[in-house]
Amino acid sequence: MTSGGSPPTTADAAEDDWDEADPAETDEPDEATESAAARRARLRRGRVREESRFLSAWRSRKVRFGVLAGVVALIALGLVAWFTPLLAVRTVRVDGLSAIPEQQVLDVLQVPDGSMLRLDTDALAEKVARLPKVRSARVQRVFPSTVRVTVVERTPVLYFDSPDGTHLLDCDSVEFAIEPPGPGVPKLITDHPGGSDPATKAAVAVMAAIPVPLRDQVGVGAVVARSVSDIALELRDGRTVLWGGTVDSPRKAAVVGPLLSQPGKVFDVSSPNLVTVK
């Protein structure tokens, strides 16, 4: 029993009243209890966040604008270079010529007017490569205004006589000219000489395989190709090297030099493991 007045207060009710009255337990500080320094710090953090978001958005817009401006500038420069004489061809330089007149290459090349960017360099190189004495050709742009043509000429390694004249053969067995061979080119003697003849191709392959000193000695002699496996080199001093076929040519090239230092007239290296001198 209690006397009149206020109702009794239990322990649980007292705790509830205490929780409701405690401002320190709430998420947001009460302005009445928050100190001035804490309030200034909170406001400053808010301003920093706002400024950071503004700067980030500004930088993003600046980057996008810069990229767009760069693309527009590149397109403009490309159009100027493509359609105006800014990069027009003014000089054509031809390198690698010895037997071919330069004017012949220029006449075939016929570089079109206009920007260098519009040149089809592969097509131009193919036109030059069609010349009989050209083995390969390359066309390059040299900015701002030069076209460079690099030519590799065909050079004779053998020649053979026919009713229509002297035919020159290069290292690819290509008949590229009918004219005097010049000094140092050996004569090919075979039954059916020509670029498609197997014996002719074998003789050309042997000439590519023999050592340079021996090649020089064959220079005013002859290469006799009776078949693809029976090729002989007639040297300028009257000696003969029986080479055989193209098989084991590196081994034959290694043994033929010391063998030629011995006295004799016929040097047989067709079997390089069993060479003979007669």
C-alpha atoms as a PDB file:
ATOM      1  CA  MET A   1       0.000   0.000   0.000  1.00  0.00           C
ATOM      2  CA  THR A   2       1.242   3.452  -0.788  1.00  0.00           C
ATOM      3  CA  SER A   3       0.051   6.735   0.326  1.00  0.00           C
ATOM      4  CA  GLY A   4      -1.613   9.117  -2.148  1.00  0.00           C
ATOM      5  CA  GLY A   5       0.354  11.254  -4.573  1.00  0.00           C
ATOM      6  CA  SER A   6       2.435  10.133  -7.547  1.00  0.00           C
ATOM      7  CA  PRO A   7       2.339   6.476  -8.639  1.00  0.00           C
ATOM      8  CA  PRO A   8       5.199   4.233  -7.723  1.00  0.00           C
ATOM      9  CA  THR A   9       8.202   4.091 -10.012  1.00  0.00           C
ATOM     10  CA  THR A  10       9.658   0.690 -10.910  1.00  0.00           C
ATOM     11  CA  ALA A  11      13.298   0.014 -11.821  1.00  0.00           C
ATOM     12  CA  ASP A  12      12.413  -0.685 -15.533  1.00  0.00           C
ATOM     13  CA  ALA A  13      10.476   2.500 -15.877  1.00  0.00           C
ATOM     14  CA  ALA A  14      13.349   4.424 -14.411  1.00  0.00           C
ATOM     15  CA  GLU A  15      15.718   2.959 -17.001  1.00  0.00           C
ATOM     16  CA  ASP A  16      13.346   3.877 -19.870  1.00  0.00           C
ATOM     17  CA  ASP A  17      13.139   7.439 -18.645  1.00  0.00           C
ATOM     18  CA  TRP A  18      16.904   7.626 -18.481  1.00  0.00           C
ATOM     19  CA  ASP A  19      17.330   6.342 -22.065  1.00  0.00           C
ATOM     20  CA  GLU A  20      14.948   8.878 -23.510  1.00  0.00           C
ATOM     21  CA  ALA A  21      16.668  11.737 -21.759  1.00  0.00           C
ATOM     22  CA  ASP A  22      20.308  10.805 -22.705  1.00  0.00           C
ATOM     23  CA  PRO A  23      21.352  12.805 -25.816  1.00  0.00           C
ATOM     24  CA  ALA A  24      24.761  11.119 -26.018  1.00  0.00           C
ATOM     25  CA  GLU A  25      23.180   7.844 -27.215  1.00  0.00           C
ATOM     26  CA  THR A  26      21.559   9.370 -30.340  1.00  0.00           C
ATOM     27  CA  ASP A  27      23.173   9.233 -33.845  1.00  0.00           C
ATOM     28  CA  GLU A  28      23.071  12.974 -34.448  1.00  0.00           C
ATOM     29  CA  PRO A  29      24.490  15.270 -31.788  1.00  0.00           C
ATOM     30  CA  ASP A  30      22.082  17.652 -30.149  1.00  0.00           C
ATOM     31  CA  GLU A  31      22.935  21.222 -31.078  1.00  0.00           C
ATOM     32  CA  ALA A  32      22.410  22.206 -27.472  1.00  0.00           C
ATOM     33  CA  THR A  33      25.047  19.769 -26.233  1.00  0.00           C
ATOM     34  CA  GLU A  34      27.457  19.837 -29.264  1.00  0.00           C
ATOM     35  CA  SER A  35      30.473  21.974 -28.650  1.00  0.00           C
ATOM     36  CA  ALA A  36      31.288  24.886 -30.948  1.00  0.00           C
ATOM     37  CA  ALA A  37      34.568  23.251 -32.074  1.00  0.00           C
ATOM     38  CA  ALA A  38      32.840  19.974 -32.948  1.00  0.00           C
ATOM     39  CA  ARG A  39      30.154  21.841 -34.864  1.00  0.00           C
ATOM     40  CA  ARG A  40      32.768  23.749 -36.877  1.00  0.00           C
ATOM     41  CA  ALA A  41      34.619  20.501 -37.661  1.00  0.00           C
ATOM     42  CA  ARG A  42      31.411  18.842 -38.848  1.00  0.00           C
ATOM     43  CA  LEU A  43      30.542  21.775 -41.078  1.00  0.00           C
ATOM     44  CA  ARG A  44      34.074  21.842 -42.469  1.00  0.00           C
ATOM     45  CA  ARG A  45      33.895  18.157 -43.387  1.00  0.00           C
ATOM     46  CA  GLY A  46      30.661  18.802 -45.191  1.00  0.00           C
ATOM     47  CA  ARG A  47      32.176  21.643 -47.196  1.00  0.00           C
ATOM     48  CA  VAL A  48      35.200  19.479 -48.114  1.00  0.00           C
ATOM     49  CA  ARG A  49      32.917  16.719 -49.402  1.00  0.00           C
ATOM     50  CA  GLU A  50      30.937  19.186 -51.485  1.00  0.00           C
ATOM     51  CA  GLU A  51      34.122  20.736 -52.926  1.00  0.00           C
ATOM     52  CA  SER A  52      35.534  17.288 -53.717  1.00  0.00           C
ATOM     53  CA  ARG A  53      32.401  16.312 -55.635  1.00  0.00           C
ATOM     54  CA  PHE A  54      32.512  19.593 -57.565  1.00  0.00           C
ATOM     55  CA  LEU A  55      36.207  19.210 -58.464  1.00  0.00           C
ATOM     56  CA  SER A  56      35.708  15.612 -59.560  1.00  0.00           C
ATOM     57  CA  ALA A  57      32.831  16.570 -61.852  1.00  0.00           C
ATOM     58  CA  TRP A  58      34.817  19.518 -63.239  1.00  0.00           C
ATOM     59  CA  ARG A  59      37.865  17.352 -63.961  1.00  0.00           C
ATOM     60  CA  SER A  60      35.711  14.730 -65.664  1.00  0.00           C
ATOM     61  CA  ARG A  61      34.163  17.365 -67.921  1.00  0.00           C
ATOM     62  CA  LYS A  62      37.603  18.794 -68.664  1.00  0.00           C
ATOM     63  CA  VAL A  63      38.981  15.371 -69.671  1.00  0.00           C
ATOM     64  CA  ARG A  64      35.988  14.680 -71.926  1.00  0.00           C
ATOM     65  CA  PHE A  65      36.359  18.051 -73.563  1.00  0.00           C
ATOM     66  CA  GLY A  66      40.100  17.515 -74.101  1.00  0.00           C
ATOM     67  CA  VAL A  67      39.560  14.107 -75.713  1.00  0.00           C
ATOM     68  CA  LEU A  68      36.858  15.487 -77.980  1.00  0.00           C
ATOM     69  CA  ALA A  69      39.047  18.429 -78.988  1.00  0.00           C
ATOM     70  CA  GLY A  70      41.946  16.064 -79.771  1.00  0.00           C
ATOM     71  CA  VAL A  71      39.784  13.844 -81.964  1.00  0.00           C
ATOM     72  CA  VAL A  72      38.441  16.849 -83.863  1.00  0.00           C
ATOM     73  CA  ALA A  73      41.986  18.162 -84.390  1.00  0.00           C
ATOM     74  CA  LEU A  74      43.206  14.799 -85.709  1.00  0.00           C
ATOM     75  CA  ILE A  75      40.287  14.525 -88.108  1.00  0.00           C
ATOM     76  CA  ALA A  76      40.949  18.045 -89.349  1.00  0.00           C
ATOM     77  CA  LEU A  77      44.648  17.334 -89.885  1.00  0.00           C
ATOM     78  CA  GLY A  78      43.818  14.089 -91.690  1.00  0.00           C
ATOM     79  CA  LEU A  79      41.442  15.852 -94.055  1.00  0.00           C
ATOM     80  CA  VAL A  80      43.994  18.562 -94.754  1.00  0.00           C
ATOM     81  CA  ALA A  81      46.738  15.987 -95.435  1.00  0.00           C
ATOM     82  CA  TRP A  82      44.446  13.867 -97.634  1.00  0.00           C
ATOM     83  CA  PHE A  83      42.864  16.497 -99.832  1.00  0.00           C
ATOM     84  CA  THR A  84      45.406  19.335-100.001  1.00  0.00           C
ATOM     85  CA  PRO A  85      48.926  19.613-101.505  1.00  0.00           C
ATOM     86  CA  LEU A  86      50.436  19.780 -98.012  1.00  0.00           C
ATOM     87  CA  LEU A  87      51.884  16.244 -98.366  1.00  0.00           C
ATOM     88  CA  ALA A  88      52.064  16.109-102.159  1.00  0.00           C
ATOM     89  CA  VAL A  89      54.849  14.085-103.804  1.00  0.00           C
ATOM     90  CA  ARG A  90      57.681  16.372-104.846  1.00  0.00           C
ATOM     91  CA  THR A  91      60.631  13.971-105.133  1.00  0.00           C
ATOM     92  CA  VAL A  92      61.059  10.366-106.322  1.00  0.00           C
ATOM     93  CA  ARG A  93      64.347   8.719-105.314  1.00  0.00           C
ATOM     94  CA  VAL A  94      65.450   5.400-106.834  1.00  0.00           C
ATOM     95  CA  ASP A  95      68.166   3.353-105.106  1.00  0.00           C
ATOM     96  CA  GLY A  96      69.933   0.135-106.086  1.00  0.00           C
ATOM     97  CA  LEU A  97      70.246   0.658-109.844  1.00  0.00           C
ATOM     98  CA  SER A  98      73.249  -0.494-111.818  1.00  0.00           C
ATOM     99  CA  ALA A  99      72.163  -2.039-115.114  1.00  0.00           C
ATOM    100  CA  ILE A 100      68.713  -0.456-115.327  1.00  0.00           C
ATOM    101  CA  PRO A 101      68.352   3.200-116.397  1.00  0.00           C
ATOM    102  CA  GLU A 102      66.603   5.295-113.755  1.00  0.00           C
ATOM    103  CA  GLN A 103      64.267   6.841-116.308  1.00  0.00           C
ATOM    104  CA  GLN A 104      62.966   3.380-117.167  1.00  0.00           C
ATOM    105  CA  VAL A 105      61.924   2.881-113.553  1.00  0.00           C
ATOM    106  CA  LEU A 106      60.320   6.325-113.370  1.00  0.00           C
ATOM    107  CA  ASP A 107      58.385   5.719-116.579  1.00  0.00           C
ATOM    108  CA  VAL A 108      56.973   2.478-115.227  1.00  0.00           C
ATOM    109  CA  LEU A 109      56.349   3.878-111.761  1.00  0.00           C
ATOM    110  CA  GLN A 110      54.193   6.870-112.798  1.00  0.00           C
ATOM    111  CA  VAL A 111      53.623   8.192-109.290  1.00  0.00           C
ATOM    112  CA  PRO A 112      50.162   9.828-109.276  1.00  0.00           C
ATOM    113  CA  ASP A 113      49.635  13.410-108.225  1.00  0.00           C
ATOM    114  CA  GLY A 114      48.093  14.156-104.861  1.00  0.00           C
ATOM    115  CA  SER A 115      48.781  13.402-101.233  1.00  0.00           C
ATOM    116  CA  MET A 116      51.353  10.794-100.274  1.00  0.00           C
ATOM    117  CA  LEU A 117      48.756   9.271 -97.964  1.00  0.00           C
ATOM    118  CA  ARG A 118      46.744   8.197-100.990  1.00  0.00           C
ATOM    119  CA  LEU A 119      49.607   6.261-102.616  1.00  0.00           C
ATOM    120  CA  ASP A 120      49.265   2.492-102.952  1.00  0.00           C
ATOM    121  CA  THR A 121      52.911   1.619-102.339  1.00  0.00           C
ATOM    122  CA  ASP A 122      52.386  -2.120-102.887  1.00  0.00           C
ATOM    123  CA  ALA A 123      50.830  -1.547-106.302  1.00  0.00           C
ATOM    124  CA  LEU A 124      53.669   0.790-107.292  1.00  0.00           C
ATOM    125  CA  ALA A 125      56.263  -1.771-106.200  1.00  0.00           C
ATOM    126  CA  GLU A 126      54.539  -4.468-108.262  1.00  0.00           C
ATOM    127  CA  LYS A 127      54.747  -2.258-111.345  1.00  0.00           C
ATOM    128  CA  VAL A 128      58.502  -1.824-110.920  1.00  0.00           C
ATOM    129  CA  ALA A 129      59.000  -5.537-110.187  1.00  0.00           C
ATOM    130  CA  ARG A 130      57.520  -6.395-113.602  1.00  0.00           C
ATOM    131  CA  LEU A 131      60.637  -5.027-115.299  1.00  0.00           C
ATOM    132  CA  PRO A 132      62.622  -8.053-116.559  1.00  0.00           C
ATOM    133  CA  LYS A 133      65.859  -7.039-114.836  1.00  0.00           C
ATOM    134  CA  VAL A 134      64.242  -6.298-111.473  1.00  0.00           C
ATOM    135  CA  ARG A 135      64.273  -9.103-108.932  1.00  0.00           C
ATOM    136  CA  SER A 136      62.372  -7.178-106.261  1.00  0.00           C
ATOM    137  CA  ALA A 137      61.228  -3.628-105.549  1.00  0.00           C
ATOM    138  CA  ARG A 138      60.032  -1.718-102.518  1.00  0.00           C
ATOM    139  CA  VAL A 139      58.262   1.652-102.440  1.00  0.00           C
ATOM    140  CA  GLN A 140      58.197   3.765 -99.275  1.00  0.00           C
ATOM    141  CA  ARG A 141      56.848   7.141 -98.233  1.00  0.00           C
ATOM    142  CA  VAL A 142      59.483   9.458 -96.775  1.00  0.00           C
ATOM    143  CA  PHE A 143      57.582  12.363 -95.294  1.00  0.00           C
ATOM    144  CA  PRO A 144      56.928  15.103 -95.992  1.00  0.00           C
ATOM    145  CA  SER A 145      57.258  14.811 -99.794  1.00  0.00           C
ATOM    146  CA  THR A 146      59.552  12.005-101.031  1.00  0.00           C
ATOM    147  CA  VAL A 147      58.805   8.592-102.509  1.00  0.00           C
ATOM    148  CA  ARG A 148      61.721   6.184-102.166  1.00  0.00           C
ATOM    149  CA  VAL A 149      62.056   3.193-104.518  1.00  0.00           C
ATOM    150  CA  THR A 150      64.558   0.480-103.573  1.00  0.00           C
ATOM    151  CA  VAL A 151      65.378  -1.927-106.397  1.00  0.00           C
ATOM    152  CA  VAL A 152      67.215  -5.251-106.280  1.00  0.00           C
ATOM    153  CA  GLU A 153      68.426  -6.048-109.776  1.00  0.00           C
ATOM    154  CA  ARG A 154      68.821  -9.482-111.267  1.00  0.00           C
ATOM    155  CA  THR A 155      72.469 -10.385-111.852  1.00  0.00           C
ATOM    156  CA  PRO A 156      73.624 -13.175-114.183  1.00  0.00           C
ATOM    157  CA  VAL A 157      75.197 -16.305-112.748  1.00  0.00           C
ATOM    158  CA  LEU A 158      75.191 -18.283-116.018  1.00  0.00           C
ATOM    159  CA  TYR A 159      74.498 -17.698-119.687  1.00  0.00           C
ATOM    160  CA  PHE A 160      73.754 -19.924-122.645  1.00  0.00           C
ATOM    161  CA  ASP A 161      73.800 -19.342-126.368  1.00  0.00           C
ATOM    162  CA  SER A 162      70.750 -19.800-128.554  1.00  0.00           C
ATOM    163  CA  PRO A 163      69.838 -18.818-132.132  1.00  0.00           C
ATOM    164  CA  ASP A 164      68.244 -15.565-130.934  1.00  0.00           C
ATOM    165  CA  GLY A 165      71.214 -14.502-128.831  1.00  0.00           C
ATOM    166  CA  THR A 166      72.858 -14.942-125.458  1.00  0.00           C
ATOM    167  CA  HIS A 167      70.409 -15.596-122.603  1.00  0.00           C
ATOM    168  CA  LEU A 168      71.257 -14.547-119.065  1.00  0.00           C
ATOM    169  CA  LEU A 169      70.157 -16.604-116.044  1.00  0.00           C
ATOM    170  CA  ASP A 170      70.018 -15.262-112.500  1.00  0.00           C
ATOM    171  CA  CYS A 171      70.211 -17.116-109.176  1.00  0.00           C
ATOM    172  CA  ASP A 172      66.512 -18.021-109.462  1.00  0.00           C
ATOM    173  CA  SER A 173      67.005 -19.643-112.889  1.00  0.00           C
ATOM    174  CA  VAL A 174      65.098 -16.765-114.484  1.00  0.00           C
ATOM    175  CA  GLU A 175      65.973 -15.787-118.043  1.00  0.00           C
ATOM    176  CA  PHE A 176      65.865 -12.025-117.679  1.00  0.00           C
ATOM    177  CA  ALA A 177      67.778 -10.656-120.658  1.00  0.00           C
ATOM    178  CA  ILE A 178      69.182 -11.463-124.074  1.00  0.00           C
ATOM    179  CA  GLU A 179      72.471  -9.607-124.229  1.00  0.00           C
ATOM    180  CA  PRO A 180      76.219 -10.137-123.749  1.00  0.00           C
ATOM    181  CA  PRO A 181      76.900 -11.555-120.269  1.00  0.00           C
ATOM    182  CA  GLY A 182      79.745  -9.324-119.227  1.00  0.00           C
ATOM    183  CA  PRO A 183      83.034 -10.504-117.686  1.00  0.00           C
ATOM    184  CA  GLY A 184      83.161 -13.282-115.129  1.00  0.00           C
ATOM    185  CA  VAL A 185      79.896 -15.055-116.035  1.00  0.00           C
ATOM    186  CA  PRO A 186      80.420 -18.733-116.934  1.00  0.00           C
ATOM    187  CA  LYS A 187      78.780 -20.409-119.895  1.00  0.00           C
ATOM    188  CA  LEU A 188      76.184 -23.133-119.369  1.00  0.00           C
ATOM    189  CA  ILE A 189      76.477 -26.190-121.605  1.00  0.00           C
ATOM    190  CA  THR A 190      73.497 -28.514-121.511  1.00  0.00           C
ATOM    191  CA  ASP A 191      71.159 -30.194-123.965  1.00  0.00           C
ATOM    192  CA  HIS A 192      68.042 -28.095-123.318  1.00  0.00           C
ATOM    193  CA  PRO A 193      69.042 -24.891-121.525  1.00  0.00           C
ATOM    194  CA  GLY A 194      66.310 -22.691-120.088  1.00  0.00           C
ATOM    195  CA  GLY A 195      64.732 -21.487-116.906  1.00  0.00           C
ATOM    196  CA  SER A 196      62.351 -24.452-116.685  1.00  0.00           C
ATOM    197  CA  ASP A 197      64.934 -27.133-117.506  1.00  0.00           C
ATOM    198  CA  PRO A 198      65.836 -29.352-114.487  1.00  0.00           C
ATOM    199  CA  ALA A 199      69.498 -29.632-115.488  1.00  0.00           C
ATOM    200  CA  THR A 200      69.698 -25.850-115.859  1.00  0.00           C
ATOM    201  CA  LYS A 201      68.184 -25.355-112.393  1.00  0.00           C
ATOM    202  CA  ALA A 202      70.650 -27.858-110.918  1.00  0.00           C
ATOM    203  CA  ALA A 203      73.582 -26.020-112.522  1.00  0.00           C
ATOM    204  CA  VAL A 204      72.365 -22.702-111.091  1.00  0.00           C
ATOM    205  CA  ALA A 205      72.046 -24.306-107.636  1.00  0.00           C
ATOM    206  CA  VAL A 206      75.616 -25.620-107.861  1.00  0.00           C
ATOM    207  CA  MET A 207      76.888 -22.156-108.740  1.00  0.00           C
ATOM    208  CA  ALA A 208      75.216 -20.818-105.610  1.00  0.00           C
ATOM    209  CA  ALA A 209      76.822 -23.539-103.469  1.00  0.00           C
ATOM    210  CA  ILE A 210      80.464 -23.458-104.597  1.00  0.00           C
ATOM    211  CA  PRO A 211      82.989 -21.320-102.660  1.00  0.00           C
ATOM    212  CA  VAL A 212      83.759 -17.852-103.978  1.00  0.00           C
ATOM    213  CA  PRO A 213      87.389 -18.646-104.986  1.00  0.00           C
ATOM    214  CA  LEU A 214      86.180 -21.594-107.057  1.00  0.00           C
ATOM    215  CA  ARG A 215      83.396 -19.469-108.545  1.00  0.00           C
ATOM    216  CA  ASP A 216      86.010 -16.972-109.696  1.00  0.00           C
ATOM    217  CA  GLN A 217      87.967 -19.777-111.405  1.00  0.00           C
ATOM    218  CA  VAL A 218      84.839 -20.906-113.236  1.00  0.00           C
ATOM    219  CA  GLY A 219      84.239 -17.314-114.373  1.00  0.00           C
ATOM    220  CA  VAL A 220      85.763 -17.665-117.831  1.00  0.00           C
ATOM    221  CA  GLY A 221      85.183 -21.405-117.988  1.00  0.00           C
ATOM    222  CA  ALA A 222      81.956 -23.354-118.301  1.00  0.00           C
ATOM    223  CA  VAL A 223      79.437 -25.395-116.354  1.00  0.00           C
ATOM    224  CA  VAL A 224      78.560 -28.634-118.090  1.00  0.00           C
ATOM    225  CA  ALA A 225      75.259 -30.147-116.996  1.00  0.00           C
ATOM    226  CA  ARG A 226      74.744 -33.558-118.577  1.00  0.00           C
ATOM    227  CA  SER A 227      71.937 -34.256-116.090  1.00  0.00           C
ATOM    228  CA  VAL A 228      70.740 -33.095-112.673  1.00  0.00           C
ATOM    229  CA  SER A 229      73.221 -35.487-111.034  1.00  0.00           C
ATOM    230  CA  ASP A 230      76.150 -35.050-113.426  1.00  0.00           C
ATOM    231  CA  ILE A 231      77.468 -31.491-113.324  1.00  0.00           C
ATOM    232  CA  ALA A 232      81.084 -30.568-114.038  1.00  0.00           C
ATOM    233  CA  LEU A 233      82.922 -27.274-113.606  1.00  0.00           C
ATOM    234  CA  GLU A 234      85.512 -26.439-116.249  1.00  0.00           C
ATOM    235  CA  LEU A 235      88.008 -23.997-114.720  1.00  0.00           C
ATOM    236  CA  ARG A 236      89.820 -21.271-116.613  1.00  0.00           C
ATOM    237  CA  ASP A 237      93.185 -23.032-116.188  1.00  0.00           C
ATOM    238  CA  GLY A 238      91.940 -26.195-117.928  1.00  0.00           C
ATOM    239  CA  ARG A 239      91.243 -28.293-114.825  1.00  0.00           C
ATOM    240  CA  THR A 240      87.848 -29.921-114.238  1.00  0.00           C
ATOM    241  CA  VAL A 241      85.870 -30.441-111.044  1.00  0.00           C
ATOM    242  CA  LEU A 242      83.325 -33.246-111.149  1.00  0.00           C
ATOM    243  CA  TRP A 243      80.644 -31.978-108.780  1.00  0.00           C
ATOM    244  CA  GLY A 244      77.871 -34.463-109.370  1.00  0.00           C
ATOM    245  CA  GLY A 245      74.419 -33.340-108.219  1.00  0.00           C
ATOM    246  CA  THR A 246      73.234 -30.789-105.686  1.00  0.00           C
ATOM    247  CA  VAL A 247      73.138 -33.330-102.846  1.00  0.00           C
ATOM    248  CA  ASP A 248      75.800 -32.783-100.146  1.00  0.00           C
ATOM    249  CA  SER A 249      76.869 -29.486-101.712  1.00  0.00           C
ATOM    250  CA  PRO A 250      77.993 -27.958 -98.353  1.00  0.00           C
ATOM    251  CA  ARG A 251      80.288 -30.961 -97.764  1.00  0.00           C
ATOM    252  CA  LYS A 252      81.607 -30.778-101.314  1.00  0.00           C
ATOM    253  CA  ALA A 253      82.304 -27.065-100.889  1.00  0.00           C
ATOM    254  CA  ALA A 254      84.339 -27.836 -97.758  1.00  0.00           C
ATOM    255  CA  VAL A 255      86.594 -30.458 -99.380  1.00  0.00           C
ATOM    256  CA  VAL A 256      87.090 -29.001-102.850  1.00  0.00           C
ATOM    257  CA  GLY A 257      89.453 -26.199-101.741  1.00  0.00           C
ATOM    258  CA  PRO A 258      92.149 -28.419-100.171  1.00  0.00           C
ATOM    259  CA  LEU A 259      91.717 -30.905-103.007  1.00  0.00           C
ATOM    260  CA  LEU A 260      92.505 -28.278-105.661  1.00  0.00           C
ATOM    261  CA  SER A 261      95.837 -27.588-103.954  1.00  0.00           C
ATOM    262  CA  GLN A 262      97.035 -30.980-105.175  1.00  0.00           C
ATOM    263  CA  PRO A 263      98.456 -31.575-108.660  1.00  0.00           C
ATOM    264  CA  GLY A 264      96.074 -33.061-111.167  1.00  0.00           C
ATOM    265  CA  LYS A 265      93.626 -32.395-113.982  1.00  0.00           C
ATOM    266  CA  VAL A 266      90.335 -33.916-112.827  1.00  0.00           C
ATOM    267  CA  PHE A 267      89.098 -33.474-109.251  1.00  0.00           C
ATOM    268  CA  ASP A 268      86.103 -35.624-108.332  1.00  0.00           C
ATOM    269  CA  VAL A 269      84.065 -34.477-105.314  1.00  0.00           C
ATOM    270  CA  SER A 270      80.784 -36.063-106.418  1.00  0.00           C
ATOM    271  CA  SER A 271      81.178 -38.385-103.394  1.00  0.00           C
ATOM    272  CA  PRO A 272      82.614 -35.968-100.804  1.00  0.00           C
ATOM    273  CA  ASN A 273      83.610 -38.786 -98.426  1.00  0.00           C
ATOM    274  CA  LEU A 274      85.715 -40.422-101.143  1.00  0.00           C
ATOM    275  CA  VAL A 275      87.316 -37.730-103.308  1.00  0.00           C
ATOM    276  CA  THR A 276      89.786 -38.553-106.084  1.00  0.00           C
ATOM    277  CA  VAL A 277      92.340 -36.718-108.224  1.00  0.00           C
ATOM    278  CA  LYS A 278      93.458 -37.766-111.675  1.00  0.00           C
END
